[in-house]
N, C-alpha and C. Protein backbone atom coordinates (compact mmCIF):
# COMPACT_ATOMS: atom_id res chain seq x y z
N MET A 1 -14.32 -26.60 -50.68
CA MET A 1 -15.19 -25.97 -49.70
C MET A 1 -15.98 -27.02 -48.93
N GLU A 2 -16.45 -28.05 -49.68
CA GLU A 2 -17.22 -29.15 -49.06
C GLU A 2 -16.35 -29.87 -48.03
N ASN A 3 -15.06 -30.08 -48.36
CA ASN A 3 -14.14 -30.75 -47.43
C ASN A 3 -13.97 -29.93 -46.15
N PHE A 4 -13.91 -28.61 -46.32
CA PHE A 4 -13.77 -27.73 -45.16
C PHE A 4 -14.99 -27.84 -44.24
N LYS A 5 -16.20 -27.86 -44.84
CA LYS A 5 -17.42 -28.00 -44.04
C LYS A 5 -17.43 -29.32 -43.29
N ASN A 6 -17.05 -30.39 -43.98
CA ASN A 6 -17.02 -31.72 -43.34
C ASN A 6 -16.01 -31.73 -42.19
N TYR A 7 -14.84 -31.10 -42.43
CA TYR A 7 -13.82 -31.04 -41.39
C TYR A 7 -14.31 -30.26 -40.17
N ALA A 8 -14.96 -29.11 -40.43
CA ALA A 8 -15.48 -28.28 -39.35
C ALA A 8 -16.53 -29.03 -38.54
N MET A 9 -17.44 -29.71 -39.22
CA MET A 9 -18.49 -30.46 -38.52
C MET A 9 -17.89 -31.60 -37.70
N ALA A 10 -16.89 -32.27 -38.25
CA ALA A 10 -16.23 -33.37 -37.53
C ALA A 10 -15.53 -32.84 -36.28
N THR A 11 -14.88 -31.68 -36.41
CA THR A 11 -14.18 -31.07 -35.27
C THR A 11 -15.16 -30.69 -34.16
N ILE A 12 -16.29 -30.08 -34.54
CA ILE A 12 -17.30 -29.69 -33.56
C ILE A 12 -17.87 -30.93 -32.86
N ALA A 13 -18.14 -31.96 -33.63
CA ALA A 13 -18.67 -33.20 -33.05
C ALA A 13 -17.68 -33.82 -32.08
N THR A 14 -16.41 -33.84 -32.45
CA THR A 14 -15.37 -34.41 -31.58
C THR A 14 -15.28 -33.63 -30.27
N CYS A 15 -15.29 -32.29 -30.37
CA CYS A 15 -15.23 -31.44 -29.17
C CYS A 15 -16.45 -31.68 -28.28
N SER A 16 -17.60 -31.79 -28.88
CA SER A 16 -18.84 -32.01 -28.11
C SER A 16 -18.77 -33.34 -27.36
N ILE A 17 -18.29 -34.37 -28.04
CA ILE A 17 -18.18 -35.69 -27.40
C ILE A 17 -17.18 -35.63 -26.26
N ALA A 18 -16.04 -34.95 -26.50
CA ALA A 18 -15.01 -34.84 -25.46
C ALA A 18 -15.52 -34.10 -24.24
N VAL A 19 -16.23 -32.98 -24.46
CA VAL A 19 -16.75 -32.19 -23.35
C VAL A 19 -17.82 -32.96 -22.60
N SER A 20 -18.75 -33.59 -23.31
CA SER A 20 -19.81 -34.33 -22.61
C SER A 20 -19.22 -35.53 -21.88
N GLY A 21 -18.19 -36.14 -22.45
CA GLY A 21 -17.53 -37.25 -21.76
C GLY A 21 -16.82 -36.78 -20.52
N LEU A 22 -16.23 -35.58 -20.57
CA LEU A 22 -15.52 -35.03 -19.42
C LEU A 22 -16.46 -34.81 -18.25
N SER A 23 -17.67 -34.32 -18.53
CA SER A 23 -18.58 -34.04 -17.43
C SER A 23 -19.17 -35.31 -16.83
N GLN A 24 -19.04 -36.43 -17.53
CA GLN A 24 -19.57 -37.69 -17.02
C GLN A 24 -18.49 -38.59 -16.44
N THR A 25 -17.21 -38.25 -16.66
CA THR A 25 -16.12 -39.10 -16.21
C THR A 25 -16.00 -39.04 -14.70
N PRO A 26 -16.12 -40.19 -14.01
CA PRO A 26 -15.98 -40.17 -12.56
C PRO A 26 -14.51 -40.10 -12.15
N THR A 27 -14.25 -39.50 -11.02
CA THR A 27 -12.91 -39.49 -10.45
C THR A 27 -12.79 -40.71 -9.56
N GLN A 28 -11.71 -40.76 -8.77
CA GLN A 28 -11.49 -41.92 -7.91
C GLN A 28 -12.61 -42.09 -6.88
N ASN A 29 -13.20 -41.01 -6.42
CA ASN A 29 -14.27 -41.12 -5.42
C ASN A 29 -15.65 -41.07 -6.07
N ASN A 30 -15.72 -41.36 -7.38
CA ASN A 30 -16.97 -41.42 -8.15
C ASN A 30 -17.73 -40.10 -8.22
N THR A 31 -17.02 -38.97 -8.05
CA THR A 31 -17.62 -37.66 -8.22
C THR A 31 -17.37 -37.22 -9.65
N PRO A 32 -18.41 -36.79 -10.37
CA PRO A 32 -18.17 -36.39 -11.76
C PRO A 32 -17.26 -35.17 -11.84
N VAL A 33 -16.43 -35.13 -12.85
CA VAL A 33 -15.54 -34.00 -13.10
C VAL A 33 -16.33 -32.97 -13.89
N VAL A 34 -16.33 -31.74 -13.41
CA VAL A 34 -17.05 -30.67 -14.10
C VAL A 34 -16.01 -29.66 -14.57
N PRO A 35 -16.02 -29.30 -15.86
CA PRO A 35 -15.06 -28.30 -16.34
C PRO A 35 -15.17 -27.02 -15.54
N PHE A 36 -14.02 -26.34 -15.33
CA PHE A 36 -13.96 -25.16 -14.47
C PHE A 36 -14.98 -24.11 -14.85
N ARG A 37 -15.13 -23.84 -16.14
CA ARG A 37 -16.02 -22.75 -16.55
C ARG A 37 -17.47 -23.04 -16.21
N TRP A 38 -17.79 -24.28 -15.92
CA TRP A 38 -19.16 -24.63 -15.57
C TRP A 38 -19.41 -24.56 -14.08
N GLN A 39 -18.34 -24.45 -13.30
CA GLN A 39 -18.52 -24.40 -11.86
C GLN A 39 -19.00 -23.02 -11.45
N ALA A 40 -20.10 -23.00 -10.72
CA ALA A 40 -20.65 -21.71 -10.28
C ALA A 40 -19.81 -21.14 -9.16
N ASP A 41 -19.59 -19.84 -9.20
CA ASP A 41 -18.88 -19.18 -8.11
C ASP A 41 -19.83 -19.17 -6.91
N THR A 42 -19.32 -19.50 -5.77
CA THR A 42 -20.18 -19.62 -4.60
C THR A 42 -20.56 -18.26 -3.99
N LEU A 43 -19.97 -17.19 -4.49
CA LEU A 43 -20.27 -15.86 -3.96
C LEU A 43 -21.58 -15.35 -4.54
N SER A 44 -22.57 -15.14 -3.67
CA SER A 44 -23.85 -14.60 -4.13
C SER A 44 -23.77 -13.09 -4.22
N THR A 45 -24.73 -12.48 -4.88
CA THR A 45 -24.78 -11.02 -4.99
C THR A 45 -24.90 -10.39 -3.60
N GLU A 46 -25.71 -11.02 -2.74
CA GLU A 46 -25.89 -10.51 -1.38
C GLU A 46 -24.58 -10.54 -0.60
N GLN A 47 -23.84 -11.65 -0.72
CA GLN A 47 -22.54 -11.75 -0.03
C GLN A 47 -21.57 -10.70 -0.58
N PHE A 48 -21.57 -10.52 -1.89
CA PHE A 48 -20.72 -9.53 -2.54
C PHE A 48 -20.99 -8.14 -1.96
N ILE A 49 -22.26 -7.78 -1.86
CA ILE A 49 -22.66 -6.46 -1.35
C ILE A 49 -22.22 -6.30 0.11
N ARG A 50 -22.48 -7.31 0.93
CA ARG A 50 -22.12 -7.23 2.35
C ARG A 50 -20.61 -7.14 2.55
N GLN A 51 -19.87 -8.00 1.85
CA GLN A 51 -18.41 -8.01 2.00
C GLN A 51 -17.79 -6.70 1.53
N LEU A 52 -18.30 -6.16 0.43
CA LEU A 52 -17.76 -4.91 -0.09
C LEU A 52 -18.09 -3.73 0.82
N SER A 53 -19.28 -3.75 1.42
CA SER A 53 -19.63 -2.65 2.34
C SER A 53 -18.76 -2.72 3.59
N THR A 54 -18.45 -3.92 4.06
CA THR A 54 -17.57 -4.09 5.23
C THR A 54 -16.16 -3.59 4.89
N ALA A 55 -15.68 -3.95 3.70
CA ALA A 55 -14.34 -3.50 3.27
C ALA A 55 -14.30 -1.98 3.17
N SER A 56 -15.36 -1.37 2.66
CA SER A 56 -15.42 0.09 2.54
C SER A 56 -15.45 0.76 3.91
N ALA A 57 -16.26 0.20 4.82
CA ALA A 57 -16.34 0.75 6.18
C ALA A 57 -14.97 0.70 6.87
N LYS A 58 -14.27 -0.42 6.68
CA LYS A 58 -12.94 -0.57 7.29
C LYS A 58 -11.98 0.46 6.69
N GLU A 59 -11.99 0.62 5.36
CA GLU A 59 -11.08 1.56 4.72
C GLU A 59 -11.36 3.00 5.13
N ILE A 60 -12.63 3.33 5.32
CA ILE A 60 -12.98 4.69 5.77
C ILE A 60 -12.39 4.94 7.15
N ASN A 61 -12.56 3.99 8.07
CA ASN A 61 -12.01 4.14 9.43
C ASN A 61 -10.49 4.17 9.42
N LEU A 62 -9.89 3.32 8.60
CA LEU A 62 -8.44 3.26 8.49
C LEU A 62 -7.89 4.60 7.98
N SER A 63 -8.55 5.14 6.97
CA SER A 63 -8.12 6.41 6.38
C SER A 63 -8.30 7.57 7.35
N LYS A 64 -9.39 7.55 8.11
CA LYS A 64 -9.60 8.61 9.13
C LYS A 64 -8.47 8.59 10.14
N LEU A 65 -8.09 7.38 10.54
CA LEU A 65 -7.01 7.23 11.52
C LEU A 65 -5.70 7.75 10.95
N ALA A 66 -5.41 7.41 9.68
CA ALA A 66 -4.16 7.85 9.05
C ALA A 66 -4.14 9.37 8.87
N LYS A 67 -5.29 9.91 8.51
CA LYS A 67 -5.40 11.36 8.33
C LYS A 67 -5.08 12.10 9.63
N LYS A 68 -5.50 11.51 10.73
CA LYS A 68 -5.33 12.13 12.05
C LYS A 68 -3.93 11.87 12.62
N LYS A 69 -3.40 10.65 12.41
CA LYS A 69 -2.20 10.23 13.13
C LYS A 69 -0.89 10.37 12.34
N SER A 70 -0.94 10.31 11.02
CA SER A 70 0.29 10.35 10.24
C SER A 70 0.93 11.74 10.27
N LYS A 71 2.25 11.74 10.33
CA LYS A 71 3.01 13.00 10.28
C LYS A 71 3.47 13.29 8.84
N ASN A 72 3.27 12.34 7.95
CA ASN A 72 3.71 12.45 6.56
C ASN A 72 2.58 13.02 5.70
N SER A 73 2.81 14.19 5.09
CA SER A 73 1.74 14.85 4.33
C SER A 73 1.27 14.00 3.13
N LYS A 74 2.19 13.28 2.50
CA LYS A 74 1.81 12.43 1.35
C LYS A 74 0.93 11.27 1.79
N VAL A 75 1.21 10.71 2.95
CA VAL A 75 0.39 9.62 3.49
C VAL A 75 -1.00 10.16 3.85
N ARG A 76 -1.04 11.36 4.44
CA ARG A 76 -2.35 11.95 4.76
C ARG A 76 -3.16 12.24 3.50
N GLU A 77 -2.49 12.75 2.46
CA GLU A 77 -3.19 13.00 1.18
C GLU A 77 -3.72 11.70 0.60
N TYR A 78 -2.90 10.66 0.68
CA TYR A 78 -3.34 9.35 0.17
C TYR A 78 -4.55 8.85 0.96
N ALA A 79 -4.51 9.03 2.28
CA ALA A 79 -5.61 8.58 3.14
C ALA A 79 -6.92 9.26 2.74
N VAL A 80 -6.86 10.54 2.42
CA VAL A 80 -8.06 11.26 1.98
C VAL A 80 -8.57 10.67 0.67
N LYS A 81 -7.66 10.40 -0.25
CA LYS A 81 -8.02 9.82 -1.55
C LYS A 81 -8.65 8.43 -1.37
N ALA A 82 -8.05 7.61 -0.50
CA ALA A 82 -8.58 6.26 -0.24
C ALA A 82 -9.95 6.34 0.43
N MET A 83 -10.11 7.30 1.33
CA MET A 83 -11.40 7.47 2.01
C MET A 83 -12.48 7.91 1.02
N ASP A 84 -12.14 8.86 0.16
CA ASP A 84 -13.10 9.32 -0.86
C ASP A 84 -13.53 8.18 -1.77
N ALA A 85 -12.58 7.33 -2.16
CA ALA A 85 -12.90 6.17 -3.02
C ALA A 85 -13.82 5.21 -2.30
N SER A 86 -13.58 4.99 -1.01
CA SER A 86 -14.42 4.07 -0.23
C SER A 86 -15.82 4.63 -0.01
N ILE A 87 -15.92 5.93 0.17
CA ILE A 87 -17.23 6.58 0.31
C ILE A 87 -18.01 6.43 -1.00
N LEU A 88 -17.31 6.58 -2.12
CA LEU A 88 -17.95 6.41 -3.43
C LEU A 88 -18.45 4.97 -3.62
N VAL A 89 -17.62 3.99 -3.23
CA VAL A 89 -18.05 2.58 -3.30
C VAL A 89 -19.32 2.40 -2.48
N TYR A 90 -19.29 2.91 -1.27
CA TYR A 90 -20.42 2.78 -0.35
C TYR A 90 -21.69 3.42 -0.93
N THR A 91 -21.53 4.63 -1.46
CA THR A 91 -22.66 5.36 -2.04
C THR A 91 -23.24 4.62 -3.25
N ASP A 92 -22.36 4.14 -4.13
CA ASP A 92 -22.81 3.44 -5.33
C ASP A 92 -23.39 2.06 -5.01
N LEU A 93 -23.01 1.52 -3.86
CA LEU A 93 -23.50 0.19 -3.44
C LEU A 93 -24.91 0.26 -2.85
N LYS A 94 -25.28 1.43 -2.32
CA LYS A 94 -26.57 1.59 -1.64
C LYS A 94 -27.78 1.13 -2.46
N PRO A 95 -27.91 1.54 -3.73
CA PRO A 95 -29.09 1.10 -4.49
C PRO A 95 -29.20 -0.42 -4.63
N PHE A 96 -28.05 -1.09 -4.76
CA PHE A 96 -28.06 -2.56 -4.86
C PHE A 96 -28.54 -3.18 -3.54
N ALA A 97 -28.09 -2.58 -2.44
CA ALA A 97 -28.48 -3.08 -1.12
C ALA A 97 -29.96 -2.83 -0.86
N GLN A 98 -30.43 -1.63 -1.17
CA GLN A 98 -31.84 -1.29 -0.95
C GLN A 98 -32.77 -2.19 -1.76
N ALA A 99 -32.38 -2.49 -3.00
CA ALA A 99 -33.21 -3.34 -3.86
C ALA A 99 -33.34 -4.76 -3.30
N ARG A 100 -32.34 -5.17 -2.48
CA ARG A 100 -32.34 -6.53 -1.92
C ARG A 100 -32.61 -6.52 -0.42
N ASN A 101 -32.97 -5.36 0.12
CA ASN A 101 -33.27 -5.21 1.55
C ASN A 101 -32.09 -5.64 2.43
N ILE A 102 -30.89 -5.20 2.05
CA ILE A 102 -29.67 -5.52 2.80
C ILE A 102 -29.21 -4.28 3.55
N THR A 103 -28.85 -4.46 4.82
CA THR A 103 -28.29 -3.36 5.61
C THR A 103 -26.78 -3.37 5.42
N LEU A 104 -26.26 -2.26 4.95
CA LEU A 104 -24.82 -2.16 4.70
C LEU A 104 -24.05 -1.95 5.99
N ALA A 105 -22.81 -2.45 6.00
CA ALA A 105 -21.91 -2.16 7.11
C ALA A 105 -21.66 -0.65 7.09
N ASP A 106 -21.39 -0.10 8.23
CA ASP A 106 -21.27 1.34 8.35
C ASP A 106 -19.99 1.66 9.11
N SER A 107 -19.32 2.74 8.74
CA SER A 107 -18.05 3.08 9.40
C SER A 107 -18.24 3.41 10.88
N THR A 108 -19.46 3.81 11.28
CA THR A 108 -19.70 4.13 12.69
C THR A 108 -19.95 2.88 13.53
N THR A 109 -20.40 1.80 12.89
CA THR A 109 -20.68 0.56 13.63
C THR A 109 -19.64 -0.51 13.37
N PHE A 110 -18.67 -0.23 12.48
CA PHE A 110 -17.64 -1.21 12.13
C PHE A 110 -16.77 -1.52 13.34
N VAL A 111 -16.60 -2.81 13.61
CA VAL A 111 -15.75 -3.23 14.74
C VAL A 111 -14.33 -3.44 14.20
N PRO A 112 -13.36 -2.69 14.71
CA PRO A 112 -11.99 -2.82 14.21
C PRO A 112 -11.42 -4.22 14.42
N ASP A 113 -10.65 -4.70 13.46
CA ASP A 113 -10.00 -5.99 13.61
C ASP A 113 -8.69 -5.80 14.38
N GLN A 114 -7.95 -6.89 14.57
CA GLN A 114 -6.72 -6.85 15.37
C GLN A 114 -5.67 -5.92 14.75
N LEU A 115 -5.58 -5.93 13.40
CA LEU A 115 -4.59 -5.07 12.74
C LEU A 115 -4.88 -3.60 13.00
N MET A 116 -6.15 -3.23 12.91
CA MET A 116 -6.49 -1.82 13.15
C MET A 116 -6.26 -1.44 14.61
N SER A 117 -6.58 -2.35 15.51
CA SER A 117 -6.35 -2.09 16.94
C SER A 117 -4.86 -1.88 17.21
N ALA A 118 -4.03 -2.71 16.57
CA ALA A 118 -2.57 -2.59 16.74
C ALA A 118 -2.08 -1.28 16.11
N LEU A 119 -2.66 -0.90 14.99
CA LEU A 119 -2.26 0.32 14.30
C LEU A 119 -2.52 1.55 15.17
N LYS A 120 -3.61 1.54 15.91
CA LYS A 120 -3.93 2.67 16.78
C LYS A 120 -2.85 2.89 17.82
N LYS A 121 -2.16 1.80 18.20
CA LYS A 121 -1.12 1.88 19.23
C LYS A 121 0.27 2.11 18.64
N ALA A 122 0.39 2.06 17.31
CA ALA A 122 1.71 2.17 16.67
C ALA A 122 2.32 3.55 16.91
N GLY A 123 3.63 3.56 17.11
CA GLY A 123 4.36 4.82 17.29
C GLY A 123 4.49 5.55 15.97
N ASN A 124 4.91 6.80 16.04
CA ASN A 124 5.03 7.64 14.84
C ASN A 124 5.92 7.01 13.77
N GLY A 125 7.01 6.39 14.18
CA GLY A 125 7.95 5.80 13.22
C GLY A 125 7.36 4.63 12.45
N ASP A 126 6.54 3.85 13.11
CA ASP A 126 5.98 2.64 12.49
C ASP A 126 4.61 2.86 11.87
N PHE A 127 3.93 3.91 12.25
CA PHE A 127 2.54 4.06 11.84
C PHE A 127 2.35 4.04 10.33
N ASP A 128 3.09 4.89 9.62
CA ASP A 128 2.91 5.00 8.17
C ASP A 128 3.16 3.66 7.48
N ARG A 129 4.25 3.00 7.86
CA ARG A 129 4.60 1.71 7.26
C ARG A 129 3.49 0.69 7.50
N GLN A 130 2.99 0.62 8.74
CA GLN A 130 1.93 -0.34 9.07
C GLN A 130 0.61 0.01 8.37
N TYR A 131 0.29 1.29 8.36
CA TYR A 131 -0.95 1.73 7.69
C TYR A 131 -0.94 1.34 6.22
N LEU A 132 0.17 1.64 5.54
CA LEU A 132 0.26 1.34 4.11
C LEU A 132 0.24 -0.17 3.86
N SER A 133 0.86 -0.92 4.73
CA SER A 133 0.83 -2.38 4.60
C SER A 133 -0.60 -2.92 4.70
N ILE A 134 -1.35 -2.40 5.68
CA ILE A 134 -2.75 -2.84 5.86
C ILE A 134 -3.60 -2.40 4.68
N THR A 135 -3.44 -1.16 4.24
CA THR A 135 -4.29 -0.67 3.15
C THR A 135 -3.97 -1.38 1.84
N ILE A 136 -2.72 -1.76 1.62
CA ILE A 136 -2.35 -2.52 0.42
C ILE A 136 -3.05 -3.88 0.45
N GLU A 137 -2.99 -4.55 1.58
CA GLU A 137 -3.66 -5.87 1.71
C GLU A 137 -5.17 -5.73 1.52
N ASP A 138 -5.75 -4.72 2.15
CA ASP A 138 -7.20 -4.50 2.02
C ASP A 138 -7.61 -4.18 0.59
N HIS A 139 -6.79 -3.37 -0.08
CA HIS A 139 -7.08 -3.05 -1.49
C HIS A 139 -7.01 -4.31 -2.36
N ASN A 140 -6.01 -5.15 -2.10
CA ASN A 140 -5.91 -6.41 -2.86
C ASN A 140 -7.16 -7.26 -2.68
N GLN A 141 -7.66 -7.35 -1.44
CA GLN A 141 -8.86 -8.14 -1.17
C GLN A 141 -10.10 -7.52 -1.83
N ALA A 142 -10.22 -6.19 -1.76
CA ALA A 142 -11.36 -5.52 -2.38
C ALA A 142 -11.33 -5.67 -3.90
N ILE A 143 -10.14 -5.60 -4.47
CA ILE A 143 -9.99 -5.78 -5.92
C ILE A 143 -10.38 -7.20 -6.33
N SER A 144 -9.95 -8.17 -5.54
CA SER A 144 -10.32 -9.56 -5.81
C SER A 144 -11.84 -9.74 -5.77
N LEU A 145 -12.47 -9.11 -4.80
CA LEU A 145 -13.93 -9.17 -4.67
C LEU A 145 -14.62 -8.50 -5.86
N LEU A 146 -14.13 -7.33 -6.26
CA LEU A 146 -14.70 -6.61 -7.39
C LEU A 146 -14.49 -7.36 -8.71
N GLU A 147 -13.38 -8.07 -8.82
CA GLU A 147 -13.14 -8.88 -10.03
C GLU A 147 -14.19 -9.98 -10.14
N LYS A 148 -14.59 -10.53 -9.00
CA LYS A 148 -15.68 -11.52 -9.01
C LYS A 148 -16.99 -10.85 -9.40
N GLY A 149 -17.23 -9.65 -8.88
CA GLY A 149 -18.45 -8.91 -9.22
C GLY A 149 -18.51 -8.59 -10.70
N ALA A 150 -17.34 -8.36 -11.31
CA ALA A 150 -17.28 -8.03 -12.73
C ALA A 150 -17.64 -9.24 -13.61
N MET A 151 -17.72 -10.42 -12.99
CA MET A 151 -18.08 -11.63 -13.75
C MET A 151 -19.52 -12.08 -13.47
N PHE A 152 -20.27 -11.32 -12.67
CA PHE A 152 -21.66 -11.67 -12.39
C PHE A 152 -22.50 -11.52 -13.66
N GLY A 153 -23.67 -12.11 -13.65
CA GLY A 153 -24.58 -11.99 -14.77
C GLY A 153 -25.33 -10.66 -14.80
N ASP A 154 -25.37 -9.98 -13.66
CA ASP A 154 -26.09 -8.70 -13.53
C ASP A 154 -25.25 -7.58 -14.14
N THR A 155 -25.72 -6.99 -15.24
CA THR A 155 -24.93 -5.97 -15.94
C THR A 155 -24.68 -4.72 -15.10
N ALA A 156 -25.63 -4.39 -14.22
CA ALA A 156 -25.45 -3.21 -13.35
C ALA A 156 -24.31 -3.45 -12.36
N ILE A 157 -24.23 -4.66 -11.79
CA ILE A 157 -23.14 -5.01 -10.86
C ILE A 157 -21.82 -5.05 -11.62
N VAL A 158 -21.83 -5.57 -12.82
CA VAL A 158 -20.61 -5.64 -13.64
C VAL A 158 -20.09 -4.22 -13.91
N SER A 159 -20.98 -3.32 -14.30
CA SER A 159 -20.61 -1.93 -14.58
C SER A 159 -20.06 -1.25 -13.32
N PHE A 160 -20.76 -1.45 -12.20
CA PHE A 160 -20.32 -0.90 -10.91
C PHE A 160 -18.93 -1.43 -10.56
N SER A 161 -18.73 -2.74 -10.68
CA SER A 161 -17.45 -3.37 -10.32
C SER A 161 -16.30 -2.83 -11.17
N ASN A 162 -16.52 -2.72 -12.48
CA ASN A 162 -15.48 -2.23 -13.37
C ASN A 162 -15.12 -0.78 -13.06
N LYS A 163 -16.11 0.03 -12.73
CA LYS A 163 -15.87 1.43 -12.37
C LYS A 163 -15.00 1.51 -11.12
N GLN A 164 -15.34 0.72 -10.09
CA GLN A 164 -14.60 0.75 -8.83
C GLN A 164 -13.20 0.16 -8.99
N LEU A 165 -13.08 -0.87 -9.84
CA LEU A 165 -11.77 -1.50 -10.05
C LEU A 165 -10.75 -0.49 -10.57
N THR A 166 -11.16 0.37 -11.47
CA THR A 166 -10.26 1.38 -12.04
C THR A 166 -9.68 2.25 -10.93
N VAL A 167 -10.53 2.71 -10.04
CA VAL A 167 -10.10 3.60 -8.95
C VAL A 167 -9.24 2.85 -7.94
N LEU A 168 -9.69 1.67 -7.52
CA LEU A 168 -8.94 0.94 -6.49
C LEU A 168 -7.59 0.46 -6.98
N ARG A 169 -7.50 0.07 -8.24
CA ARG A 169 -6.19 -0.34 -8.77
C ARG A 169 -5.22 0.83 -8.80
N ARG A 170 -5.70 2.00 -9.17
CA ARG A 170 -4.85 3.20 -9.18
C ARG A 170 -4.41 3.53 -7.75
N ASN A 171 -5.33 3.47 -6.79
CA ASN A 171 -4.98 3.74 -5.39
C ASN A 171 -3.99 2.71 -4.84
N LEU A 172 -4.17 1.46 -5.25
CA LEU A 172 -3.25 0.40 -4.80
C LEU A 172 -1.82 0.70 -5.27
N GLU A 173 -1.68 1.09 -6.53
CA GLU A 173 -0.34 1.41 -7.05
C GLU A 173 0.27 2.58 -6.30
N GLU A 174 -0.54 3.58 -5.97
CA GLU A 174 -0.03 4.72 -5.22
C GLU A 174 0.40 4.30 -3.81
N ALA A 175 -0.38 3.42 -3.18
CA ALA A 175 -0.03 2.94 -1.84
C ALA A 175 1.29 2.15 -1.88
N LYS A 176 1.48 1.35 -2.91
CA LYS A 176 2.74 0.60 -3.04
C LYS A 176 3.92 1.54 -3.21
N PHE A 177 3.72 2.57 -4.02
CA PHE A 177 4.78 3.55 -4.25
C PHE A 177 5.12 4.28 -2.95
N LEU A 178 4.09 4.72 -2.21
CA LEU A 178 4.31 5.39 -0.92
C LEU A 178 5.00 4.47 0.07
N SER A 179 4.61 3.20 0.06
CA SER A 179 5.20 2.23 0.96
C SER A 179 6.71 2.12 0.74
N LYS A 180 7.12 2.15 -0.52
CA LYS A 180 8.56 2.10 -0.84
C LYS A 180 9.26 3.36 -0.29
N GLN A 181 8.61 4.50 -0.44
CA GLN A 181 9.21 5.74 0.05
C GLN A 181 9.33 5.73 1.58
N VAL A 182 8.27 5.29 2.23
CA VAL A 182 8.25 5.26 3.70
C VAL A 182 9.29 4.28 4.24
N SER A 183 9.54 3.21 3.48
CA SER A 183 10.53 2.22 3.89
C SER A 183 11.96 2.70 3.66
N GLY A 184 12.10 3.93 3.13
CA GLY A 184 13.42 4.49 2.93
C GLY A 184 13.98 4.26 1.54
N LYS A 185 13.20 3.63 0.67
CA LYS A 185 13.65 3.40 -0.70
C LYS A 185 13.03 4.46 -1.58
N LYS A 186 13.71 5.54 -1.76
CA LYS A 186 13.20 6.62 -2.61
C LYS A 186 13.24 6.14 -4.05
N MET A 187 12.09 6.07 -4.68
CA MET A 187 12.04 5.56 -6.04
C MET A 187 11.12 6.42 -6.89
N THR A 188 11.46 6.53 -8.16
CA THR A 188 10.55 7.19 -9.09
C THR A 188 9.52 6.14 -9.51
N ALA A 189 8.41 6.59 -10.09
CA ALA A 189 7.37 5.66 -10.53
C ALA A 189 7.93 4.69 -11.57
N ASP A 190 8.83 5.17 -12.48
CA ASP A 190 9.41 4.30 -13.50
C ASP A 190 10.27 3.21 -12.88
N LYS A 191 11.07 3.58 -11.87
CA LYS A 191 11.91 2.58 -11.21
C LYS A 191 11.06 1.54 -10.51
N LEU A 192 9.96 1.97 -9.89
CA LEU A 192 9.05 1.05 -9.21
C LEU A 192 8.42 0.07 -10.20
N ARG A 193 8.00 0.59 -11.36
CA ARG A 193 7.40 -0.30 -12.38
C ARG A 193 8.42 -1.32 -12.86
N ASN A 194 9.67 -0.88 -13.08
CA ASN A 194 10.72 -1.80 -13.54
C ASN A 194 11.01 -2.87 -12.51
N GLU A 195 11.01 -2.47 -11.23
CA GLU A 195 11.28 -3.44 -10.18
C GLU A 195 10.18 -4.47 -10.09
N GLU A 196 8.91 -4.04 -10.26
CA GLU A 196 7.78 -4.95 -10.19
C GLU A 196 7.77 -5.92 -11.37
N MET A 197 8.30 -5.49 -12.53
CA MET A 197 8.36 -6.37 -13.71
C MET A 197 9.37 -7.48 -13.52
N ASN A 198 10.45 -7.19 -12.78
CA ASN A 198 11.52 -8.18 -12.61
C ASN A 198 11.25 -9.14 -11.48
C-alpha cells in the first residue's frame, strides 16, 4: 500500500512538472505555449446573446417566407416548427438580455442577407431545396453557438443552451431528411441514418 502511495505521489508530481513546464515553454516566436483547456473562449455572454438573437430573428423570417411560398405541405409544416423553436429561443433569451441591458435583434428589424434575398426570388421548383439548404446551414451555426453557451460558467446559460440544443438538433435532422426528399431521394429515416453513418 505504501508503494502505491509513493507511486501515486510521484505520478502527480511528474504531471505537475510537465504541465507547468508546458505553460512556460516558448515557441519559435517566444510566445508561451498554453494548453488548450486553459485558453479562454473569446465569445462573451453578451456576444452569445446578440448572435443567438440575430440567428433566431433570421430563422423566424426564413420560416415565414417558407410558410407563405412553399407548395410542399411537409416543408410548410417544418417551417412552422422551426419558427416556433426560434420564437422559444428568443423568448427564453429575453431575461438574459434584460439583465445585461442588451437589445435583442428582432424579426421586424432584421436585415435579410444575400441568401435570403436570393431565396425570395427563387422559383417554385428551387425554393424548397434552397430554403432547406439555408436552414440546415443556419441550424448548424446556431447549434455551434449553443454548444459554446453550454460550456459557459453561468449555470442558467448552460441550462438554457442545453434545452435549446435538444430542439435544434431534432429540427436539423428533420430538415436534412426533408432535403433528401425534396432532392428526389425518397428515403426512410433508417436509410438516412445508415447513409450518414457511412
